[in-house]
């Protein structure tokens, strides 16, 4: 496990699901898991980057549910977040979790310099 409380296998499984959806260009982990302040049962907050509509978001959510992880996964589309405080939190705190065409690039190192585009 890393500072986010997820195993490498759990991260890999989530990334494999995201890779099945070409509209997803990237994903950032934010919230308590990105900050290392998670508790047992804390959800996994992911902000997705890409040209993602609500139907695709729903399909991604269902596919992630099929993983039967012991955590709820809270998905958002970064470009559609209206709450400026949430966007301002994700920008500096969000940790790269998945990047399209780079399946091995997921939370191996907490590179906070990579900004998610909106």
PDB file of N, CA and C in Angstrom:
ATOM      1  N   UNK A   1       0.835  -1.189   0.000  1.00  0.00           N
ATOM      2  CA  UNK A   1       0.000   0.000   0.000  1.00  0.00           C
ATOM      3  C   UNK A   1       0.874   1.245   0.000  1.00  0.00           C
ATOM      4  N   UNK A   2       0.311   2.317  -0.543  1.00  0.00           N
ATOM      5  CA  UNK A   2       0.994   3.605  -0.519  1.00  0.00           C
ATOM      6  C   UNK A   2       0.248   4.513   0.444  1.00  0.00           C
ATOM      7  N   UNK A   3       0.583   5.780   0.458  1.00  0.00           N
ATOM      8  CA  UNK A   3      -0.032   6.730   1.373  1.00  0.00           C
ATOM      9  C   UNK A   3      -1.506   6.969   1.141  1.00  0.00           C
ATOM     10  N   UNK A   4      -2.072   6.347   0.112  1.00  0.00           N
ATOM     11  CA  UNK A   4      -3.497   6.525  -0.166  1.00  0.00           C
ATOM     12  C   UNK A   4      -4.340   5.365   0.348  1.00  0.00           C
ATOM     13  N   UNK A   5      -3.698   4.343   0.893  1.00  0.00           N
ATOM     14  CA  UNK A   5      -4.423   3.206   1.443  1.00  0.00           C
ATOM     15  C   UNK A   5      -4.901   2.187   0.433  1.00  0.00           C
ATOM     16  N   UNK A   6      -4.526   2.344  -0.824  1.00  0.00           N
ATOM     17  CA  UNK A   6      -4.922   1.395  -1.863  1.00  0.00           C
ATOM     18  C   UNK A   6      -3.749   0.483  -2.196  1.00  0.00           C
ATOM     19  N   UNK A   7      -4.057  -0.747  -2.524  1.00  0.00           N
ATOM     20  CA  UNK A   7      -3.002  -1.661  -2.954  1.00  0.00           C
ATOM     21  C   UNK A   7      -2.681  -1.394  -4.422  1.00  0.00           C
ATOM     22  N   UNK A   8      -1.529  -1.855  -4.848  1.00  0.00           N
ATOM     23  CA  UNK A   8      -1.163  -1.732  -6.256  1.00  0.00           C
ATOM     24  C   UNK A   8      -2.169  -2.423  -7.158  1.00  0.00           C
ATOM     25  N   UNK A   9      -2.679  -3.561  -6.721  1.00  0.00           N
ATOM     26  CA  UNK A   9      -3.674  -4.296  -7.509  1.00  0.00           C
ATOM     27  C   UNK A   9      -4.970  -3.500  -7.629  1.00  0.00           C
ATOM     28  N   UNK A  10      -5.395  -2.848  -6.559  1.00  0.00           N
ATOM     29  CA  UNK A  10      -6.615  -2.040  -6.616  1.00  0.00           C
ATOM     30  C   UNK A  10      -6.445  -0.876  -7.586  1.00  0.00           C
ATOM     31  N   UNK A  11      -5.299  -0.190  -7.512  1.00  0.00           N
ATOM     32  CA  UNK A  11      -5.038   0.915  -8.447  1.00  0.00           C
ATOM     33  C   UNK A  11      -5.004   0.404  -9.878  1.00  0.00           C
ATOM     34  N   UNK A  12      -4.327  -0.729 -10.093  1.00  0.00           N
ATOM     35  CA  UNK A  12      -4.233  -1.289 -11.439  1.00  0.00           C
ATOM     36  C   UNK A  12      -5.618  -1.639 -11.975  1.00  0.00           C
ATOM     37  N   UNK A  13      -6.460  -2.234 -11.154  1.00  0.00           N
ATOM     38  CA  UNK A  13      -7.810  -2.594 -11.596  1.00  0.00           C
ATOM     39  C   UNK A  13      -8.621  -1.365 -11.975  1.00  0.00           C
ATOM     40  N   UNK A  14      -8.520  -0.311 -11.184  1.00  0.00           N
ATOM     41  CA  UNK A  14      -9.243   0.925 -11.495  1.00  0.00           C
ATOM     42  C   UNK A  14      -8.723   1.509 -12.805  1.00  0.00           C
ATOM     43  N   UNK A  15      -7.402   1.540 -12.972  1.00  0.00           N
ATOM     44  CA  UNK A  15      -6.814   2.087 -14.202  1.00  0.00           C
ATOM     45  C   UNK A  15      -7.216   1.267 -15.424  1.00  0.00           C
ATOM     46  N   UNK A  16      -7.314  -0.043 -15.278  1.00  0.00           N
ATOM     47  CA  UNK A  16      -7.740  -0.881 -16.402  1.00  0.00           C
ATOM     48  C   UNK A  16      -9.170  -0.558 -16.815  1.00  0.00           C
ATOM     49  N   UNK A  17     -10.026  -0.281 -15.855  1.00  0.00           N
ATOM     50  CA  UNK A  17     -11.394   0.125 -16.196  1.00  0.00           C
ATOM     51  C   UNK A  17     -11.366   1.458 -16.928  1.00  0.00           C
ATOM     52  N   UNK A  18     -10.642   2.436 -16.407  1.00  0.00           N
ATOM     53  CA  UNK A  18     -10.586   3.752 -17.050  1.00  0.00           C
ATOM     54  C   UNK A  18     -10.031   3.651 -18.465  1.00  0.00           C
ATOM     55  N   UNK A  19      -9.073   2.767 -18.691  1.00  0.00           N
ATOM     56  CA  UNK A  19      -8.463   2.602 -20.011  1.00  0.00           C
ATOM     57  C   UNK A  19      -9.451   2.068 -21.041  1.00  0.00           C
ATOM     58  N   UNK A  20     -10.520   1.445 -20.596  1.00  0.00           N
ATOM     59  CA  UNK A  20     -11.530   0.921 -21.527  1.00  0.00           C
ATOM     60  C   UNK A  20     -12.397   2.027 -22.119  1.00  0.00           C
ATOM     61  N   UNK A  21     -12.264   3.250 -21.614  1.00  0.00           N
ATOM     62  CA  UNK A  21     -13.092   4.363 -22.072  1.00  0.00           C
ATOM     63  C   UNK A  21     -12.195   5.413 -22.722  1.00  0.00           C
ATOM     64  N   UNK A  22     -12.162   5.457 -24.066  1.00  0.00           N
ATOM     65  CA  UNK A  22     -11.261   6.376 -24.770  1.00  0.00           C
ATOM     66  C   UNK A  22     -11.485   7.847 -24.428  1.00  0.00           C
ATOM     67  N   UNK A  23     -12.679   8.205 -23.981  1.00  0.00           N
ATOM     68  CA  UNK A  23     -12.958   9.600 -23.638  1.00  0.00           C
ATOM     69  C   UNK A  23     -12.187  10.052 -22.397  1.00  0.00           C
ATOM     70  N   UNK A  24     -11.746   9.111 -21.575  1.00  0.00           N
ATOM     71  CA  UNK A  24     -11.019   9.459 -20.346  1.00  0.00           C
ATOM     72  C   UNK A  24      -9.544   9.649 -20.690  1.00  0.00           C
ATOM     73  N   UNK A  25      -9.093  10.903 -20.637  1.00  0.00           N
ATOM     74  CA  UNK A  25      -7.687  11.205 -20.918  1.00  0.00           C
ATOM     75  C   UNK A  25      -6.821  11.102 -19.667  1.00  0.00           C
ATOM     76  N   UNK A  26      -7.441  11.300 -18.511  1.00  0.00           N
ATOM     77  CA  UNK A  26      -6.678  11.242 -17.270  1.00  0.00           C
ATOM     78  C   UNK A  26      -7.598  11.232 -16.069  1.00  0.00           C
ATOM     79  N   UNK A  27      -7.015  10.951 -14.923  1.00  0.00           N
ATOM     80  CA  UNK A  27      -7.771  10.964 -13.670  1.00  0.00           C
ATOM     81  C   UNK A  27      -6.839  11.380 -12.545  1.00  0.00           C
ATOM     82  N   UNK A  28      -7.375  12.172 -11.634  1.00  0.00           N
ATOM     83  CA  UNK A  28      -6.633  12.605 -10.456  1.00  0.00           C
ATOM     84  C   UNK A  28      -7.345  12.151  -9.195  1.00  0.00           C
ATOM     85  N   UNK A  29      -6.569  11.654  -8.270  1.00  0.00           N
ATOM     86  CA  UNK A  29      -7.070  11.304  -6.947  1.00  0.00           C
ATOM     87  C   UNK A  29      -6.993  12.561  -6.093  1.00  0.00           C
ATOM     88  N   UNK A  30      -8.082  12.873  -5.399  1.00  0.00           N
ATOM     89  CA  UNK A  30      -8.067  14.031  -4.507  1.00  0.00           C
ATOM     90  C   UNK A  30      -8.777  13.659  -3.210  1.00  0.00           C
ATOM     91  N   UNK A  31      -8.903  14.607  -2.325  1.00  0.00           N
ATOM     92  CA  UNK A  31      -9.576  14.352  -1.053  1.00  0.00           C
ATOM     93  C   UNK A  31      -8.654  13.684  -0.047  1.00  0.00           C
ATOM     94  N   UNK A  32      -9.264  12.996   0.912  1.00  0.00           N
ATOM     95  CA  UNK A  32      -8.505  12.442   2.041  1.00  0.00           C
ATOM     96  C   UNK A  32      -7.446  11.438   1.604  1.00  0.00           C
ATOM     97  N   UNK A  33      -7.714  10.678   0.560  1.00  0.00           N
ATOM     98  CA  UNK A  33      -6.721   9.686   0.125  1.00  0.00           C
ATOM     99  C   UNK A  33      -5.505  10.361  -0.511  1.00  0.00           C
ATOM    100  N   UNK A  34      -5.707  11.437  -1.236  1.00  0.00           N
ATOM    101  CA  UNK A  34      -4.575  12.156  -1.827  1.00  0.00           C
ATOM    102  C   UNK A  34      -3.746  12.846  -0.746  1.00  0.00           C
ATOM    103  N   UNK A  35      -4.418  13.261   0.319  1.00  0.00           N
ATOM    104  CA  UNK A  35      -3.730  13.954   1.404  1.00  0.00           C
ATOM    105  C   UNK A  35      -3.115  13.005   2.425  1.00  0.00           C
ATOM    106  N   UNK A  36      -3.407  11.703   2.292  1.00  0.00           N
ATOM    107  CA  UNK A  36      -2.902  10.731   3.254  1.00  0.00           C
ATOM    108  C   UNK A  36      -3.654  10.755   4.570  1.00  0.00           C
ATOM    109  N   UNK A  37      -4.855  11.338   4.572  1.00  0.00           N
ATOM    110  CA  UNK A  37      -5.668  11.442   5.791  1.00  0.00           C
ATOM    111  C   UNK A  37      -6.905  10.554   5.731  1.00  0.00           C
ATOM    112  N   UNK A  38      -6.844   9.525   4.943  1.00  0.00           N
ATOM    113  CA  UNK A  38      -7.992   8.635   4.788  1.00  0.00           C
ATOM    114  C   UNK A  38      -8.194   7.819   6.057  1.00  0.00           C
ATOM    115  N   UNK A  39      -9.389   7.285   6.186  1.00  0.00           N
ATOM    116  CA  UNK A  39      -9.737   6.388   7.289  1.00  0.00           C
ATOM    117  C   UNK A  39     -10.232   5.086   6.675  1.00  0.00           C
ATOM    118  N   UNK A  40     -10.326   4.037   7.462  1.00  0.00           N
ATOM    119  CA  UNK A  40     -10.884   2.800   6.903  1.00  0.00           C
ATOM    120  C   UNK A  40     -12.265   3.083   6.303  1.00  0.00           C
ATOM    121  N   UNK A  41     -12.455   2.669   5.092  1.00  0.00           N
ATOM    122  CA  UNK A  41     -13.733   2.884   4.424  1.00  0.00           C
ATOM    123  C   UNK A  41     -13.865   4.221   3.724  1.00  0.00           C
ATOM    124  N   UNK A  42     -12.833   5.074   3.767  1.00  0.00           N
ATOM    125  CA  UNK A  42     -12.905   6.352   3.050  1.00  0.00           C
ATOM    126  C   UNK A  42     -13.129   6.099   1.570  1.00  0.00           C
ATOM    127  N   UNK A  43     -13.920   6.968   0.956  1.00  0.00           N
ATOM    128  CA  UNK A  43     -14.177   6.793  -0.469  1.00  0.00           C
ATOM    129  C   UNK A  43     -12.946   7.182  -1.285  1.00  0.00           C
ATOM    130  N   UNK A  44     -13.005   6.861  -2.558  1.00  0.00           N
ATOM    131  CA  UNK A  44     -11.947   7.190  -3.510  1.00  0.00           C
ATOM    132  C   UNK A  44     -12.499   8.297  -4.392  1.00  0.00           C
ATOM    133  N   UNK A  45     -11.949   9.506  -4.265  1.00  0.00           N
ATOM    134  CA  UNK A  45     -12.405  10.650  -5.052  1.00  0.00           C
ATOM    135  C   UNK A  45     -11.535  10.774  -6.290  1.00  0.00           C
ATOM    136  N   UNK A  46     -12.156  10.648  -7.463  1.00  0.00           N
ATOM    137  CA  UNK A  46     -11.428  10.764  -8.724  1.00  0.00           C
ATOM    138  C   UNK A  46     -12.061  11.837  -9.598  1.00  0.00           C
ATOM    139  N   UNK A  47     -11.240  12.762 -10.065  1.00  0.00           N
ATOM    140  CA  UNK A  47     -11.667  13.768 -11.036  1.00  0.00           C
ATOM    141  C   UNK A  47     -11.158  13.314 -12.395  1.00  0.00           C
ATOM    142  N   UNK A  48     -12.087  13.112 -13.316  1.00  0.00           N
ATOM    143  CA  UNK A  48     -11.736  12.615 -14.646  1.00  0.00           C
ATOM    144  C   UNK A  48     -11.537  13.775 -15.603  1.00  0.00           C
ATOM    145  N   UNK A  49     -10.585  13.629 -16.496  1.00  0.00           N
ATOM    146  CA  UNK A  49     -10.312  14.617 -17.532  1.00  0.00           C
ATOM    147  C   UNK A  49     -10.653  13.998 -18.875  1.00  0.00           C
ATOM    148  N   UNK A  50     -11.279  14.771 -19.724  1.00  0.00           N
ATOM    149  CA  UNK A  50     -11.591  14.300 -21.067  1.00  0.00           C
ATOM    150  C   UNK A  50     -12.952  14.781 -21.511  1.00  0.00           C
ATOM    151  N   UNK A  51     -13.324  14.379 -22.704  1.00  0.00           N
ATOM    152  CA  UNK A  51     -14.622  14.734 -23.280  1.00  0.00           C
ATOM    153  C   UNK A  51     -15.624  13.662 -22.859  1.00  0.00           C
ATOM    154  N   UNK A  52     -16.068  13.748 -21.627  1.00  0.00           N
ATOM    155  CA  UNK A  52     -16.883  12.708 -21.003  1.00  0.00           C
ATOM    156  C   UNK A  52     -18.288  13.240 -20.780  1.00  0.00           C
ATOM    157  N   UNK A  53     -19.270  12.530 -21.306  1.00  0.00           N
ATOM    158  CA  UNK A  53     -20.654  12.920 -21.051  1.00  0.00           C
ATOM    159  C   UNK A  53     -21.198  12.107 -19.879  1.00  0.00           C
ATOM    160  N   UNK A  54     -22.408  12.456 -19.445  1.00  0.00           N
ATOM    161  CA  UNK A  54     -22.973  11.790 -18.270  1.00  0.00           C
ATOM    162  C   UNK A  54     -23.257  10.316 -18.511  1.00  0.00           C
ATOM    163  N   UNK A  55     -23.622   9.951 -19.736  1.00  0.00           N
ATOM    164  CA  UNK A  55     -23.866   8.535 -20.042  1.00  0.00           C
ATOM    165  C   UNK A  55     -22.570   7.733 -19.903  1.00  0.00           C
ATOM    166  N   UNK A  56     -21.473   8.293 -20.387  1.00  0.00           N
ATOM    167  CA  UNK A  56     -20.177   7.622 -20.257  1.00  0.00           C
ATOM    168  C   UNK A  56     -19.761   7.554 -18.794  1.00  0.00           C
ATOM    169  N   UNK A  57     -19.983   8.640 -18.066  1.00  0.00           N
ATOM    170  CA  UNK A  57     -19.656   8.646 -16.641  1.00  0.00           C
ATOM    171  C   UNK A  57     -20.421   7.542 -15.913  1.00  0.00           C
ATOM    172  N   UNK A  58     -21.676   7.360 -16.263  1.00  0.00           N
ATOM    173  CA  UNK A  58     -22.485   6.307 -15.652  1.00  0.00           C
ATOM    174  C   UNK A  58     -21.924   4.918 -15.987  1.00  0.00           C
ATOM    175  N   UNK A  59     -21.514   4.710 -17.243  1.00  0.00           N
ATOM    176  CA  UNK A  59     -20.939   3.417 -17.635  1.00  0.00           C
ATOM    177  C   UNK A  59     -19.624   3.153 -16.895  1.00  0.00           C
ATOM    178  N   UNK A  60     -18.821   4.193 -16.734  1.00  0.00           N
ATOM    179  CA  UNK A  60     -17.568   4.049 -15.982  1.00  0.00           C
ATOM    180  C   UNK A  60     -17.876   3.675 -14.534  1.00  0.00           C
ATOM    181  N   UNK A  61     -18.839   4.361 -13.956  1.00  0.00           N
ATOM    182  CA  UNK A  61     -19.216   4.087 -12.572  1.00  0.00           C
ATOM    183  C   UNK A  61     -19.682   2.646 -12.390  1.00  0.00           C
ATOM    184  N   UNK A  62     -20.496   2.162 -13.314  1.00  0.00           N
ATOM    185  CA  UNK A  62     -20.973   0.778 -13.237  1.00  0.00           C
ATOM    186  C   UNK A  62     -19.822  -0.215 -13.384  1.00  0.00           C
ATOM    187  N   UNK A  63     -18.901   0.078 -14.301  1.00  0.00           N
ATOM    188  CA  UNK A  63     -17.750  -0.815 -14.491  1.00  0.00           C
ATOM    189  C   UNK A  63     -16.868  -0.840 -13.241  1.00  0.00           C
ATOM    190  N   UNK A  64     -16.704   0.309 -12.598  1.00  0.00           N
ATOM    191  CA  UNK A  64     -15.917   0.352 -11.366  1.00  0.00           C
ATOM    192  C   UNK A  64     -16.629  -0.387 -10.236  1.00  0.00           C
ATOM    193  N   UNK A  65     -17.950  -0.279 -10.194  1.00  0.00           N
ATOM    194  CA  UNK A  65     -18.724  -1.027  -9.188  1.00  0.00           C
ATOM    195  C   UNK A  65     -18.511  -2.530  -9.346  1.00  0.00           C
ATOM    196  N   UNK A  66     -18.357  -2.973 -10.582  1.00  0.00           N
ATOM    197  CA  UNK A  66     -18.151  -4.405 -10.845  1.00  0.00           C
ATOM    198  C   UNK A  66     -16.835  -4.926 -10.264  1.00  0.00           C
ATOM    199  N   UNK A  67     -15.912  -4.025  -9.922  1.00  0.00           N
ATOM    200  CA  UNK A  67     -14.651  -4.452  -9.314  1.00  0.00           C
ATOM    201  C   UNK A  67     -14.853  -4.963  -7.887  1.00  0.00           C
ATOM    202  N   UNK A  68     -15.984  -4.611  -7.306  1.00  0.00           N
ATOM    203  CA  UNK A  68     -16.323  -5.039  -5.939  1.00  0.00           C
ATOM    204  C   UNK A  68     -15.258  -4.623  -4.922  1.00  0.00           C
ATOM    205  N   UNK A  69     -14.750  -3.404  -5.095  1.00  0.00           N
ATOM    206  CA  UNK A  69     -13.792  -2.876  -4.127  1.00  0.00           C
ATOM    207  C   UNK A  69     -14.520  -2.550  -2.827  1.00  0.00           C
ATOM    208  N   UNK A  70     -13.821  -2.577  -1.715  1.00  0.00           N
ATOM    209  CA  UNK A  70     -14.478  -2.271  -0.441  1.00  0.00           C
ATOM    210  C   UNK A  70     -14.643  -0.773  -0.189  1.00  0.00           C
ATOM    211  N   UNK A  71     -14.533   0.029  -1.247  1.00  0.00           N
ATOM    212  CA  UNK A  71     -14.639   1.479  -1.130  1.00  0.00           C
ATOM    213  C   UNK A  71     -15.613   2.006  -2.176  1.00  0.00           C
ATOM    214  N   UNK A  72     -16.312   3.071  -1.826  1.00  0.00           N
ATOM    215  CA  UNK A  72     -17.130   3.776  -2.811  1.00  0.00           C
ATOM    216  C   UNK A  72     -16.191   4.646  -3.641  1.00  0.00           C
ATOM    217  N   UNK A  73     -16.458   4.719  -4.936  1.00  0.00           N
ATOM    218  CA  UNK A  73     -15.655   5.575  -5.808  1.00  0.00           C
ATOM    219  C   UNK A  73     -16.528   6.742  -6.244  1.00  0.00           C
ATOM    220  N   UNK A  74     -16.099   7.942  -5.885  1.00  0.00           N
ATOM    221  CA  UNK A  74     -16.823   9.166  -6.206  1.00  0.00           C
ATOM    222  C   UNK A  74     -16.166   9.788  -7.436  1.00  0.00           C
ATOM    223  N   UNK A  75     -16.871   9.751  -8.560  1.00  0.00           N
ATOM    224  CA  UNK A  75     -16.342  10.270  -9.819  1.00  0.00           C
ATOM    225  C   UNK A  75     -16.890  11.659 -10.101  1.00  0.00           C
ATOM    226  N   UNK A  76     -16.048  12.504 -10.653  1.00  0.00           N
ATOM    227  CA  UNK A  76     -16.495  13.794 -11.158  1.00  0.00           C
ATOM    228  C   UNK A  76     -15.747  14.068 -12.458  1.00  0.00           C
ATOM    229  N   UNK A  77     -16.346  14.906 -13.279  1.00  0.00           N
ATOM    230  CA  UNK A  77     -15.706  15.343 -14.520  1.00  0.00           C
ATOM    231  C   UNK A  77     -15.110  16.713 -14.225  1.00  0.00           C
ATOM    232  N   UNK A  78     -13.789  16.805 -14.240  1.00  0.00           N
ATOM    233  CA  UNK A  78     -13.132  18.030 -13.790  1.00  0.00           C
ATOM    234  C   UNK A  78     -13.654  19.263 -14.519  1.00  0.00           C
ATOM    235  N   UNK A  79     -13.801  19.188 -15.820  1.00  0.00           N
ATOM    236  CA  UNK A  79     -14.247  20.339 -16.600  1.00  0.00           C
ATOM    237  C   UNK A  79     -15.676  20.761 -16.325  1.00  0.00           C
ATOM    238  N   UNK A  80     -16.434  19.936 -15.619  1.00  0.00           N
ATOM    239  CA  UNK A  80     -17.829  20.258 -15.316  1.00  0.00           C
ATOM    240  C   UNK A  80     -18.060  20.570 -13.840  1.00  0.00           C
ATOM    241  N   UNK A  81     -16.993  20.695 -13.076  1.00  0.00           N
ATOM    242  CA  UNK A  81     -17.133  21.038 -11.658  1.00  0.00           C
ATOM    243  C   UNK A  81     -17.393  22.536 -11.550  1.00  0.00           C
ATOM    244  N   UNK A  82     -18.552  22.881 -11.010  1.00  0.00           N
ATOM    245  CA  UNK A  82     -18.937  24.288 -10.883  1.00  0.00           C
ATOM    246  C   UNK A  82     -18.437  24.921  -9.587  1.00  0.00           C
ATOM    247  N   UNK A  83     -18.139  24.107  -8.597  1.00  0.00           N
ATOM    248  CA  UNK A  83     -17.728  24.618  -7.294  1.00  0.00           C
ATOM    249  C   UNK A  83     -16.268  25.071  -7.353  1.00  0.00           C
ATOM    250  N   UNK A  84     -16.023  26.397  -7.281  1.00  0.00           N
ATOM    251  CA  UNK A  84     -14.641  26.878  -7.396  1.00  0.00           C
ATOM    252  C   UNK A  84     -13.733  26.375  -6.272  1.00  0.00           C
ATOM    253  N   UNK A  85     -14.279  26.185  -5.079  1.00  0.00           N
ATOM    254  CA  UNK A  85     -13.450  25.686  -3.970  1.00  0.00           C
ATOM    255  C   UNK A  85     -12.986  24.259  -4.238  1.00  0.00           C
ATOM    256  N   UNK A  86     -13.863  23.445  -4.811  1.00  0.00           N
ATOM    257  CA  UNK A  86     -13.477  22.072  -5.133  1.00  0.00           C
ATOM    258  C   UNK A  86     -12.420  22.062  -6.233  1.00  0.00           C
ATOM    259  N   UNK A  87     -12.618  22.871  -7.268  1.00  0.00           N
ATOM    260  CA  UNK A  87     -11.616  22.954  -8.341  1.00  0.00           C
ATOM    261  C   UNK A  87     -10.271  23.424  -7.780  1.00  0.00           C
ATOM    262  N   UNK A  88     -10.327  24.412  -6.879  1.00  0.00           N
ATOM    263  CA  UNK A  88      -9.097  24.939  -6.284  1.00  0.00           C
ATOM    264  C   UNK A  88      -8.421  23.912  -5.380  1.00  0.00           C
ATOM    265  N   UNK A  89      -9.190  22.993  -4.821  1.00  0.00           N
ATOM    266  CA  UNK A  89      -8.615  21.907  -4.009  1.00  0.00           C
ATOM    267  C   UNK A  89      -7.941  20.869  -4.912  1.00  0.00           C
ATOM    268  N   UNK A  90      -8.617  20.515  -5.987  1.00  0.00           N
ATOM    269  CA  UNK A  90      -8.108  19.454  -6.861  1.00  0.00           C
ATOM    270  C   UNK A  90      -6.819  19.880  -7.555  1.00  0.00           C
ATOM    271  N   UNK A  91      -6.733  21.144  -7.961  1.00  0.00           N
ATOM    272  CA  UNK A  91      -5.543  21.595  -8.701  1.00  0.00           C
ATOM    273  C   UNK A  91      -4.244  21.330  -7.938  1.00  0.00           C
ATOM    274  N   UNK A  92      -4.086  21.813  -6.705  1.00  0.00           N
ATOM    275  CA  UNK A  92      -2.797  21.583  -6.037  1.00  0.00           C
ATOM    276  C   UNK A  92      -2.681  20.234  -5.329  1.00  0.00           C
ATOM    277  N   UNK A  93      -3.796  19.673  -4.915  1.00  0.00           N
ATOM    278  CA  UNK A  93      -3.772  18.464  -4.090  1.00  0.00           C
ATOM    279  C   UNK A  93      -3.902  17.201  -4.926  1.00  0.00           C
ATOM    280  N   UNK A  94      -4.632  17.294  -6.034  1.00  0.00           N
ATOM    281  CA  UNK A  94      -4.897  16.115  -6.850  1.00  0.00           C
ATOM    282  C   UNK A  94      -3.621  15.439  -7.320  1.00  0.00           C
ATOM    283  N   UNK A  95      -3.591  14.120  -7.160  1.00  0.00           N
ATOM    284  CA  UNK A  95      -2.423  13.324  -7.566  1.00  0.00           C
ATOM    285  C   UNK A  95      -2.774  12.523  -8.805  1.00  0.00           C
ATOM    286  N   UNK A  96      -1.873  12.547  -9.768  1.00  0.00           N
ATOM    287  CA  UNK A  96      -2.102  11.800 -10.995  1.00  0.00           C
ATOM    288  C   UNK A  96      -2.348  10.338 -10.657  1.00  0.00           C
ATOM    289  N   UNK A  97      -3.467   9.828 -11.124  1.00  0.00           N
ATOM    290  CA  UNK A  97      -3.846   8.441 -10.851  1.00  0.00           C
ATOM    291  C   UNK A  97      -3.800   7.612 -12.126  1.00  0.00           C
ATOM    292  N   UNK A  98      -4.253   8.212 -13.229  1.00  0.00           N
ATOM    293  CA  UNK A  98      -4.302   7.515 -14.517  1.00  0.00           C
ATOM    294  C   UNK A  98      -4.058   8.531 -15.614  1.00  0.00           C
ATOM    295  N   UNK A  99      -3.314   8.120 -16.619  1.00  0.00           N
ATOM    296  CA  UNK A  99      -3.118   8.946 -17.805  1.00  0.00           C
ATOM    297  C   UNK A  99      -3.245   8.058 -19.026  1.00  0.00           C
ATOM    298  N   UNK A 100      -4.106   8.461 -19.942  1.00  0.00           N
ATOM    299  CA  UNK A 100      -4.346   7.682 -21.161  1.00  0.00           C
ATOM    300  C   UNK A 100      -3.029   7.456 -21.896  1.00  0.00           C
ATOM    301  N   UNK A 101      -2.887   6.284 -22.461  1.00  0.00           N
ATOM    302  CA  UNK A 101      -1.700   5.881 -23.225  1.00  0.00           C
ATOM    303  C   UNK A 101      -0.451   5.724 -22.367  1.00  0.00           C
ATOM    304  N   UNK A 102      -0.591   5.839 -21.068  1.00  0.00           N
ATOM    305  CA  UNK A 102       0.512   5.573 -20.146  1.00  0.00           C
ATOM    306  C   UNK A 102      -0.047   4.761 -18.990  1.00  0.00           C
ATOM    307  N   UNK A 103      -0.452   3.508 -19.260  1.00  0.00           N
ATOM    308  CA  UNK A 103      -1.135   2.730 -18.229  1.00  0.00           C
ATOM    309  C   UNK A 103      -0.321   2.498 -16.969  1.00  0.00           C
ATOM    310  N   UNK A 104       0.990   2.588 -17.066  1.00  0.00           N
ATOM    311  CA  UNK A 104       1.794   2.347 -15.865  1.00  0.00           C
ATOM    312  C   UNK A 104       1.926   3.604 -15.015  1.00  0.00           C
ATOM    313  N   UNK A 105       1.436   4.735 -15.521  1.00  0.00           N
ATOM    314  CA  UNK A 105       1.593   5.990 -14.787  1.00  0.00           C
ATOM    315  C   UNK A 105       0.400   6.183 -13.859  1.00  0.00           C
ATOM    316  N   UNK A 106       0.505   5.637 -12.676  1.00  0.00           N
ATOM    317  CA  UNK A 106      -0.555   5.813 -11.689  1.00  0.00           C
ATOM    318  C   UNK A 106       0.040   5.821 -10.296  1.00  0.00           C
ATOM    319  N   UNK A 107      -0.019   6.904  -9.671  1.00  0.00           N
ATOM    320  CA  UNK A 107       0.346   7.081  -8.267  1.00  0.00           C
ATOM    321  C   UNK A 107       1.635   6.405  -7.826  1.00  0.00           C
ATOM    322  N   UNK A 108       2.528   6.139  -8.736  1.00  0.00           N
ATOM    323  CA  UNK A 108       3.809   5.587  -8.306  1.00  0.00           C
ATOM    324  C   UNK A 108       4.593   6.664  -7.551  1.00  0.00           C
ATOM    325  N   UNK A 109       4.438   7.893  -8.003  1.00  0.00           N
ATOM    326  CA  UNK A 109       5.043   9.008  -7.289  1.00  0.00           C
ATOM    327  C   UNK A 109       4.023  10.131  -7.241  1.00  0.00           C
ATOM    328  N   UNK A 110       3.916  10.818  -6.128  1.00  0.00           N
ATOM    329  CA  UNK A 110       2.913  11.870  -5.998  1.00  0.00           C
ATOM    330  C   UNK A 110       3.363  13.143  -6.699  1.00  0.00           C
ATOM    331  N   UNK A 111       3.228  13.199  -8.016  1.00  0.00           N
ATOM    332  CA  UNK A 111       3.657  14.350  -8.790  1.00  0.00           C
ATOM    333  C   UNK A 111       2.536  15.369  -8.826  1.00  0.00           C
ATOM    334  N   UNK A 112       2.596  16.308  -7.952  1.00  0.00           N
ATOM    335  CA  UNK A 112       1.536  17.312  -7.866  1.00  0.00           C
ATOM    336  C   UNK A 112       1.763  18.451  -8.850  1.00  0.00           C
ATOM    337  N   UNK A 113       2.908  18.477  -9.528  1.00  0.00           N
ATOM    338  CA  UNK A 113       3.176  19.543 -10.481  1.00  0.00           C
ATOM    339  C   UNK A 113       2.344  19.376 -11.742  1.00  0.00           C
ATOM    340  N   UNK A 114       1.929  18.159 -12.052  1.00  0.00           N
ATOM    341  CA  UNK A 114       1.106  17.927 -13.233  1.00  0.00           C
ATOM    342  C   UNK A 114      -0.287  18.457 -12.967  1.00  0.00           C
ATOM    343  N   UNK A 115      -0.687  19.471 -13.705  1.00  0.00           N
ATOM    344  CA  UNK A 115      -2.011  20.065 -13.520  1.00  0.00           C
ATOM    345  C   UNK A 115      -3.011  19.378 -14.425  1.00  0.00           C
ATOM    346  N   UNK A 116      -4.210  19.252 -13.935  1.00  0.00           N
ATOM    347  CA  UNK A 116      -5.292  18.718 -14.750  1.00  0.00           C
ATOM    348  C   UNK A 116      -5.888  19.898 -15.498  1.00  0.00           C
ATOM    349  N   UNK A 117      -6.182  19.717 -16.757  1.00  0.00           N
ATOM    350  CA  UNK A 117      -6.730  20.820 -17.540  1.00  0.00           C
ATOM    351  C   UNK A 117      -8.227  20.858 -17.385  1.00  0.00           C
ATOM    352  N   UNK A 118      -8.779  22.011 -17.511  1.00  0.00           N
ATOM    353  CA  UNK A 118     -10.215  22.133 -17.317  1.00  0.00           C
ATOM    354  C   UNK A 118     -10.850  22.569 -18.552  1.00  0.00           C
TER     355      UNK A 118
END
